[in-house]
Amino acid sequence: MKLRKTICAALLAAGVGISSSAAAAITTVAPAAAPSGATPVIIDTDMAIDDWAAMLYLLHHKDVKVLGVTVTGAGEAHCNPGAQHAVDLVDITPQKGIPVACGDAEPMDGFAVFPDEWRKGADTFYDVPVPAASRGPDKRHAAQLLIDLLMASKTKVKLVVIGNATNVAQALLKQPKIKQKIERIYMMAGSIYAKGNIIVPGFTDHYKNKTSEWNVLIDPVATRIVLQSKVPVTLVPLDGTNDVKVTPDDAKAFKAAAKNASGEFYSRVLDKNAWFIDSGEYYFWDLLTATLVTHPEYCRYQYMNVDVIVGYSPLTNGDPLPQFSAKRWDGQMRRNFDPYFTGQTVISDRGPEVQVCMRATPEPFKRDVIQTINQ
């Protein structure tokens, strides 16, 4: 009871209203039919290990036309290596040559950052080689590339957001007209009832936040802006991705099926991260999200009103912070988030209604990704 009162107090302080009937109002819905023809897609990624397979899936899919890739420098990879590696991955696929651009190196507010060791792995592809592209990233800011691609598109575009949503939120604020160009946003973010994934033994034991998911924790302000944009959102939280754990058998299946540069690359990534698979902490988070563009039936959905807790607290002398700019992207002073609950996704009457992937069907999903990446 004491914990429940503490949580409720934190929610109220953060300005999030929780209705006693909110959970009861959740309705289960059938997924929409899969689109026909080539679906225009933009990928927004933080270039973490799970993003690579998600990108390769979409870039190899015969029914998807990827217009461009935007990289957030505030995610797991830093901007320069992350953007160049995204170019390298794009150019080993049939859709080589599409533009790739990076955004800000810091989130819209706060001081959240991935552990240094994780960022090093993302920056180096875990030392797995991939053919180097003959070109570099686009010089535009990622938010500007998003705006340019969307405004130039003659048909509505689907966004696949598989990292912190900083680029997308900034683009929405800078040019609200792009909302009319977006058919749906598929976003891997948050958890509804599932346990958060912030605490990883040996890396983040000192964190006080036990309830959030990484993509939201890094930039909860951006997540909230996207959810409240009135653009249709399919949210893929940990509740759904917990059904698609990466297993040693999955690694063996990828290796056996690898027959092109993309398949061989990701098979080597899985080999290099056998320790991660064996830990039981590795899931196809972003890969599941990417597949829903063409195969919404891989999830069972519920409509619910979802919000993100955003609360602030003063810094203390004991707060271990990396080097951040004193001012945010908009020129305002950067503020410190409440360390306990900010970034938690909650069912709330104040939140917009979104489609939420609550369960996934792993067998057809895994067969599809192996086949698609290797075709």
Protein backbone atom coordinates (compact mmCIF):
# COMPACT_ATOMS: atom_id res chain seq x y z
CA MET A 1 0.00 0.00 0.00
CA LYS A 2 2.84 2.38 0.85
CA LEU A 3 4.46 1.75 -2.55
CA ARG A 4 1.12 2.31 -4.29
CA LYS A 5 0.65 5.65 -2.53
CA THR A 6 4.20 6.67 -3.46
CA ILE A 7 3.62 5.86 -7.12
CA CYS A 8 0.30 7.71 -7.20
CA ALA A 9 1.89 10.74 -5.58
CA ALA A 10 4.64 10.72 -8.17
CA LEU A 11 2.13 10.48 -10.99
CA LEU A 12 0.12 13.40 -9.69
CA ALA A 13 3.25 15.46 -9.21
CA ALA A 14 4.20 14.74 -12.81
CA GLY A 15 0.84 15.91 -14.08
CA VAL A 16 -0.38 12.49 -15.19
CA GLY A 17 -4.00 11.69 -14.37
CA ILE A 18 -4.79 8.07 -13.61
CA SER A 19 -8.40 7.02 -13.91
CA SER A 20 -9.75 4.21 -11.76
CA SER A 21 -11.70 3.04 -14.78
CA ALA A 22 -8.89 3.43 -17.32
CA ALA A 23 -7.87 -0.21 -17.32
CA ALA A 24 -11.47 -1.34 -17.55
CA ALA A 25 -11.99 0.83 -20.60
CA ILE A 26 -9.30 -0.97 -22.60
CA THR A 27 -10.77 -2.71 -25.63
CA THR A 28 -9.24 -5.49 -27.66
CA VAL A 29 -9.25 -4.92 -31.41
CA ALA A 30 -8.36 -6.95 -34.47
CA PRO A 31 -5.32 -5.80 -36.45
CA ALA A 32 -5.78 -4.01 -39.73
CA ALA A 33 -5.13 -5.83 -42.97
CA ALA A 34 -1.57 -5.81 -44.27
CA PRO A 35 -0.91 -3.16 -46.93
CA SER A 36 -0.56 -4.13 -50.57
CA GLY A 37 2.12 -2.85 -52.91
CA ALA A 38 5.28 -1.01 -51.93
CA THR A 39 4.70 0.81 -48.66
CA PRO A 40 6.77 4.00 -48.23
CA VAL A 41 8.67 3.89 -44.93
CA ILE A 42 11.17 6.05 -43.06
CA ILE A 43 13.30 4.38 -40.38
CA ASP A 44 14.33 6.36 -37.30
CA THR A 45 16.94 4.45 -35.31
CA ASP A 46 19.47 4.69 -32.49
CA MET A 47 21.65 2.06 -34.23
CA ALA A 48 21.66 -0.40 -31.34
CA ILE A 49 22.23 -4.11 -31.93
CA ASP A 50 18.53 -4.93 -32.35
CA ASP A 51 18.03 -2.05 -34.80
CA TRP A 52 20.39 -3.55 -37.37
CA ALA A 53 18.18 -6.56 -38.10
CA ALA A 54 15.09 -4.32 -38.14
CA MET A 55 16.68 -2.13 -40.78
CA LEU A 56 17.80 -5.11 -42.87
CA TYR A 57 14.32 -6.61 -42.74
CA LEU A 58 12.67 -3.47 -44.13
CA LEU A 59 15.44 -2.82 -46.66
CA HIS A 60 15.06 -6.34 -48.08
CA HIS A 61 11.26 -6.53 -48.00
CA LYS A 62 9.75 -6.61 -51.48
CA ASP A 63 6.65 -4.70 -50.32
CA VAL A 64 8.52 -1.85 -48.62
CA LYS A 65 10.15 1.22 -50.15
CA VAL A 66 12.45 2.83 -47.59
CA LEU A 67 12.70 6.55 -48.35
CA GLY A 68 15.46 7.29 -45.87
CA VAL A 69 17.00 6.55 -42.48
CA THR A 70 17.39 9.03 -39.63
CA VAL A 71 19.76 8.31 -36.77
CA THR A 72 19.60 9.77 -33.29
CA GLY A 73 22.97 10.65 -31.80
CA ALA A 74 21.42 10.51 -28.32
CA GLY A 75 20.76 6.77 -28.50
CA GLU A 76 23.03 3.79 -28.15
CA ALA A 77 25.42 4.74 -30.98
CA HIS A 78 27.11 8.10 -31.22
CA CYS A 79 26.23 10.22 -34.23
CA ASN A 80 29.24 9.86 -36.52
CA PRO A 81 29.82 6.10 -36.31
CA GLY A 82 26.09 5.41 -36.06
CA ALA A 83 25.21 7.34 -39.21
CA GLN A 84 28.09 5.90 -41.22
CA HIS A 85 27.23 2.37 -40.15
CA ALA A 86 23.63 3.00 -41.16
CA VAL A 87 24.90 4.01 -44.62
CA ASP A 88 27.02 0.86 -44.75
CA LEU A 89 24.04 -1.35 -43.89
CA VAL A 90 21.78 0.38 -46.40
CA ASP A 91 24.31 -0.11 -49.16
CA ILE A 92 24.55 -3.90 -48.80
CA THR A 93 20.81 -4.15 -49.51
CA PRO A 94 18.71 -3.78 -52.67
CA GLN A 95 17.75 -0.24 -51.57
CA LYS A 96 21.28 1.12 -51.47
CA GLY A 97 21.79 4.82 -52.00
CA ILE A 98 18.91 6.17 -49.92
CA PRO A 99 19.74 9.16 -47.68
CA VAL A 100 20.87 8.75 -44.08
CA ALA A 101 21.21 11.66 -41.65
CA CYS A 102 21.95 12.08 -37.95
CA GLY A 103 20.31 14.36 -35.39
CA ASP A 104 21.25 15.82 -32.02
CA ALA A 105 23.77 14.14 -29.74
CA GLU A 106 21.60 14.87 -26.70
CA PRO A 107 17.94 14.24 -25.82
CA MET A 108 15.41 17.07 -25.75
CA ASP A 109 15.78 17.41 -21.99
CA GLY A 110 17.37 15.60 -19.07
CA PHE A 111 20.68 13.79 -18.69
CA ALA A 112 19.85 10.17 -19.53
CA VAL A 113 22.46 8.20 -21.45
CA PHE A 114 23.25 4.57 -22.22
CA PRO A 115 26.21 2.92 -20.43
CA ASP A 116 29.56 3.62 -22.11
CA GLU A 117 30.27 -0.05 -22.81
CA TRP A 118 26.98 -0.46 -24.67
CA ARG A 119 27.69 2.63 -26.74
CA LYS A 120 31.13 1.34 -27.63
CA GLY A 121 29.61 -1.89 -28.91
CA ALA A 122 27.08 0.00 -31.01
CA ASP A 123 29.75 2.35 -32.36
CA THR A 124 31.95 -0.54 -33.52
CA PHE A 125 29.30 -3.04 -34.70
CA TYR A 126 30.80 -5.24 -31.95
CA ASP A 127 33.80 -5.59 -34.29
CA VAL A 128 31.74 -7.44 -36.89
CA PRO A 129 32.94 -6.32 -40.34
CA VAL A 130 30.58 -4.99 -42.98
CA PRO A 131 31.55 -3.74 -46.45
CA ALA A 132 32.24 -0.01 -46.27
CA ALA A 133 30.01 2.19 -48.41
CA SER A 134 31.59 4.57 -50.91
CA ARG A 135 29.54 7.48 -49.54
CA GLY A 136 28.89 9.23 -46.26
CA PRO A 137 25.74 10.42 -44.48
CA ASP A 138 23.59 13.28 -45.71
CA LYS A 139 24.64 16.67 -44.35
CA ARG A 140 21.12 17.63 -43.28
CA HIS A 141 19.97 17.37 -39.68
CA ALA A 142 17.89 14.22 -39.20
CA ALA A 143 14.76 16.22 -38.32
CA GLN A 144 15.15 18.24 -41.52
CA LEU A 145 15.61 15.09 -43.61
CA LEU A 146 12.42 13.70 -42.09
CA ILE A 147 10.54 16.87 -43.00
CA ASP A 148 11.94 16.97 -46.53
CA LEU A 149 11.16 13.30 -47.26
CA LEU A 150 7.64 13.53 -45.86
CA MET A 151 6.72 16.78 -47.59
CA ALA A 152 8.02 15.45 -50.91
CA SER A 153 6.09 12.19 -50.71
CA LYS A 154 2.97 11.94 -52.86
CA THR A 155 1.50 9.26 -50.59
CA LYS A 156 1.32 8.88 -46.84
CA VAL A 157 4.38 7.37 -45.19
CA LYS A 158 4.82 4.98 -42.29
CA LEU A 159 7.49 5.85 -39.70
CA VAL A 160 9.31 3.09 -37.85
CA VAL A 161 10.78 4.60 -34.67
CA ILE A 162 13.18 2.14 -33.02
CA GLY A 163 15.15 4.33 -30.65
CA ASN A 164 14.56 7.44 -28.59
CA ALA A 165 12.09 9.58 -30.54
CA THR A 166 14.12 12.81 -30.46
CA ASN A 167 14.35 13.29 -34.25
CA VAL A 168 10.66 12.65 -34.86
CA ALA A 169 9.52 14.92 -32.02
CA GLN A 170 11.72 17.77 -33.25
CA ALA A 171 10.43 17.35 -36.80
CA LEU A 172 6.81 17.45 -35.59
CA LEU A 173 7.45 20.65 -33.66
CA LYS A 174 9.42 22.29 -36.47
CA GLN A 175 6.92 21.48 -39.24
CA PRO A 176 3.47 20.40 -37.98
CA LYS A 177 2.27 19.94 -41.58
CA ILE A 178 4.13 16.62 -41.75
CA LYS A 179 1.39 15.09 -39.59
CA GLN A 180 -0.80 15.01 -42.69
CA LYS A 181 1.88 13.00 -44.51
CA ILE A 182 2.26 10.27 -41.89
CA GLU A 183 -0.06 7.28 -42.14
CA ARG A 184 1.09 5.66 -38.89
CA ILE A 185 4.03 5.64 -36.48
CA TYR A 186 5.27 2.25 -35.28
CA MET A 187 7.21 2.90 -32.10
CA MET A 188 9.13 0.47 -29.89
CA ALA A 189 8.78 2.17 -26.53
CA GLY A 190 7.73 1.67 -22.94
CA SER A 191 6.00 -1.01 -20.95
CA ILE A 192 2.40 -1.23 -19.81
CA TYR A 193 2.23 -4.09 -17.31
CA ALA A 194 5.62 -5.67 -18.01
CA LYS A 195 8.62 -5.11 -15.79
CA GLY A 196 10.93 -2.30 -16.92
CA ASN A 197 14.31 -3.15 -18.45
CA ILE A 198 16.53 -0.36 -17.10
CA ILE A 199 18.27 -2.39 -14.40
CA VAL A 200 20.91 -4.65 -15.96
CA PRO A 201 23.24 -6.33 -13.44
CA GLY A 202 26.81 -5.14 -13.78
CA PHE A 203 25.86 -2.07 -15.79
CA THR A 204 22.99 -0.09 -14.26
CA ASP A 205 22.56 -1.49 -10.74
CA HIS A 206 22.82 2.04 -9.32
CA TYR A 207 19.84 3.37 -11.31
CA LYS A 208 16.82 4.34 -9.22
CA ASN A 209 14.29 3.88 -12.03
CA LYS A 210 12.89 0.33 -11.90
CA THR A 211 9.85 0.77 -14.15
CA SER A 212 10.85 2.35 -17.47
CA GLU A 213 12.08 1.11 -20.84
CA TRP A 214 15.26 2.44 -22.43
CA ASN A 215 13.89 4.22 -25.51
CA VAL A 216 11.52 6.24 -23.33
CA LEU A 217 13.99 6.82 -20.49
CA ILE A 218 16.53 8.42 -22.81
CA ASP A 219 14.02 11.02 -24.05
CA PRO A 220 10.61 10.88 -22.33
CA VAL A 221 9.73 14.36 -23.58
CA ALA A 222 10.12 13.23 -27.18
CA THR A 223 8.05 10.10 -26.60
CA ARG A 224 5.26 12.17 -25.11
CA ILE A 225 5.30 14.62 -28.02
CA VAL A 226 4.96 11.79 -30.53
CA LEU A 227 2.16 10.09 -28.61
CA GLN A 228 0.25 13.37 -28.32
CA SER A 229 0.78 14.39 -31.96
CA LYS A 230 -2.62 13.03 -33.06
CA VAL A 231 -0.82 10.87 -35.64
CA PRO A 232 -1.98 7.21 -35.42
CA VAL A 233 0.51 5.27 -33.30
CA THR A 234 1.14 1.57 -32.90
CA LEU A 235 3.08 1.23 -29.67
CA VAL A 236 5.24 -1.87 -29.20
CA PRO A 237 6.11 -2.05 -25.49
CA LEU A 238 8.00 -4.70 -23.55
CA ASP A 239 4.69 -6.50 -22.99
CA GLY A 240 4.71 -7.54 -26.66
CA THR A 241 8.45 -7.90 -27.22
CA ASN A 242 8.81 -10.21 -24.22
CA ASP A 243 7.30 -12.90 -26.45
CA VAL A 244 10.20 -12.74 -28.92
CA LYS A 245 13.29 -13.56 -26.89
CA VAL A 246 16.43 -14.31 -28.89
CA THR A 247 17.51 -17.91 -28.27
CA PRO A 248 20.56 -20.01 -29.22
CA ASP A 249 18.30 -21.85 -31.67
CA ASP A 250 17.50 -18.52 -33.35
CA ALA A 251 21.22 -17.85 -33.81
CA LYS A 252 21.68 -21.31 -35.34
CA ALA A 253 18.74 -20.75 -37.68
CA PHE A 254 20.12 -17.39 -38.84
CA LYS A 255 23.53 -18.96 -39.49
CA ALA A 256 22.06 -21.86 -41.45
CA ALA A 257 19.96 -19.55 -43.63
CA ALA A 258 22.58 -16.84 -44.28
CA LYS A 259 23.16 -16.52 -48.00
CA ASN A 260 23.72 -12.82 -48.66
CA ALA A 261 25.77 -10.01 -47.13
CA SER A 262 22.95 -8.96 -44.81
CA GLY A 263 22.25 -12.45 -43.51
CA GLU A 264 25.93 -13.18 -43.01
CA PHE A 265 26.46 -9.90 -41.18
CA TYR A 266 23.64 -10.43 -38.71
CA SER A 267 24.57 -14.08 -38.20
CA ARG A 268 28.06 -12.93 -37.15
CA VAL A 269 26.51 -10.32 -34.85
CA LEU A 270 24.56 -13.07 -33.08
CA ASP A 271 27.71 -15.20 -32.82
CA LYS A 272 29.62 -12.29 -31.32
CA ASN A 273 26.86 -11.73 -28.76
CA ALA A 274 26.28 -15.31 -27.67
CA TRP A 275 26.84 -14.13 -24.09
CA PHE A 276 23.93 -11.70 -24.48
CA ILE A 277 21.68 -14.46 -25.80
CA ASP A 278 22.70 -16.80 -23.00
CA SER A 279 21.91 -14.11 -20.42
CA GLY A 280 18.21 -14.27 -21.39
CA GLU A 281 18.12 -10.46 -21.69
CA TYR A 282 18.19 -10.18 -25.49
CA TYR A 283 14.91 -9.76 -27.36
CA PHE A 284 13.93 -8.85 -30.91
CA TRP A 285 12.52 -5.53 -29.66
CA ASP A 286 12.94 -3.42 -32.77
CA LEU A 287 12.74 -6.26 -35.26
CA LEU A 288 9.22 -7.09 -34.09
CA THR A 289 8.26 -3.44 -34.49
CA ALA A 290 9.59 -3.31 -38.05
CA THR A 291 7.69 -6.42 -39.15
CA LEU A 292 4.33 -4.90 -38.16
CA VAL A 293 4.51 -2.55 -41.16
CA THR A 294 3.71 -5.50 -43.42
CA HIS A 295 2.55 -8.13 -40.93
CA PRO A 296 0.33 -6.54 -38.26
CA GLU A 297 -0.99 -10.02 -37.47
CA TYR A 298 2.23 -10.79 -35.57
CA CYS A 299 0.74 -8.91 -32.61
CA ARG A 300 -2.46 -8.98 -30.59
CA TYR A 301 -3.49 -5.42 -29.84
CA GLN A 302 -5.45 -3.36 -27.39
CA TYR A 303 -6.50 0.26 -27.66
CA MET A 304 -5.65 2.20 -24.52
CA ASN A 305 -4.91 5.75 -23.43
CA VAL A 306 -1.19 5.96 -22.76
CA ASP A 307 0.89 8.76 -21.30
CA VAL A 308 4.50 9.16 -20.17
CA ILE A 309 5.49 10.44 -16.75
CA VAL A 310 7.71 13.52 -17.03
CA GLY A 311 8.75 14.96 -13.66
CA TYR A 312 11.72 17.04 -12.58
CA SER A 313 13.98 17.27 -9.54
CA PRO A 314 17.08 19.32 -8.70
CA LEU A 315 20.52 17.88 -9.27
CA THR A 316 22.49 16.81 -6.23
CA ASN A 317 26.24 16.63 -5.76
CA GLY A 318 26.05 12.86 -5.84
CA ASP A 319 24.46 12.63 -9.27
CA PRO A 320 27.03 11.09 -11.66
CA LEU A 321 26.34 12.90 -14.95
CA PRO A 322 28.18 12.71 -18.26
CA GLN A 323 29.08 15.93 -20.03
CA PHE A 324 25.92 17.59 -21.35
CA SER A 325 25.27 21.02 -22.80
CA ALA A 326 23.83 23.44 -20.27
CA LYS A 327 21.12 24.39 -22.75
CA ARG A 328 18.66 22.15 -24.59
CA TRP A 329 18.02 21.99 -28.32
CA ASP A 330 15.52 24.90 -28.03
CA GLY A 331 17.89 27.22 -26.15
CA GLN A 332 16.26 26.68 -22.74
CA MET A 333 18.23 25.48 -19.73
CA ARG A 334 18.51 21.70 -19.47
CA ARG A 335 16.67 20.26 -16.47
CA ASN A 336 17.13 17.12 -14.42
CA PHE A 337 14.39 14.49 -14.43
CA ASP A 338 12.97 12.79 -11.38
CA PRO A 339 15.17 9.66 -11.11
CA TYR A 340 12.44 7.27 -9.95
CA PHE A 341 9.43 7.50 -12.25
CA THR A 342 10.18 9.76 -15.23
CA GLY A 343 9.96 7.69 -18.40
CA GLN A 344 7.34 5.29 -17.11
CA THR A 345 4.47 4.66 -19.53
CA VAL A 346 1.09 4.60 -17.81
CA ILE A 347 -2.56 4.12 -18.65
CA SER A 348 -4.06 7.56 -18.17
CA ASP A 349 -7.13 9.53 -19.20
CA ARG A 350 -4.77 12.37 -20.09
CA GLY A 351 -2.99 10.26 -22.67
CA PRO A 352 -4.05 9.77 -26.29
CA GLU A 353 -5.60 6.52 -27.44
CA VAL A 354 -3.03 4.34 -29.19
CA GLN A 355 -2.89 0.82 -30.56
CA VAL A 356 -0.69 -1.27 -28.28
CA CYS A 357 0.96 -4.59 -29.12
CA MET A 358 0.36 -6.60 -25.96
CA ARG A 359 1.30 -10.09 -27.19
CA ALA A 360 3.30 -11.41 -30.13
CA THR A 361 3.36 -14.68 -32.06
CA PRO A 362 7.04 -15.65 -32.23
CA GLU A 363 7.06 -18.62 -34.63
CA PRO A 364 5.74 -17.01 -37.85
CA PHE A 365 7.57 -13.79 -36.98
CA LYS A 366 10.95 -15.51 -36.69
CA ARG A 367 10.46 -17.55 -39.86
CA ASP A 368 9.56 -14.40 -41.76
CA VAL A 369 12.57 -12.35 -40.67
CA ILE A 370 15.06 -15.08 -41.54
CA GLN A 371 13.52 -15.54 -44.98
CA THR A 372 13.17 -11.81 -45.72
CA ILE A 373 16.65 -10.74 -44.66
CA ASN A 374 18.19 -13.50 -46.76
CA GLN A 375 16.19 -13.03 -49.94
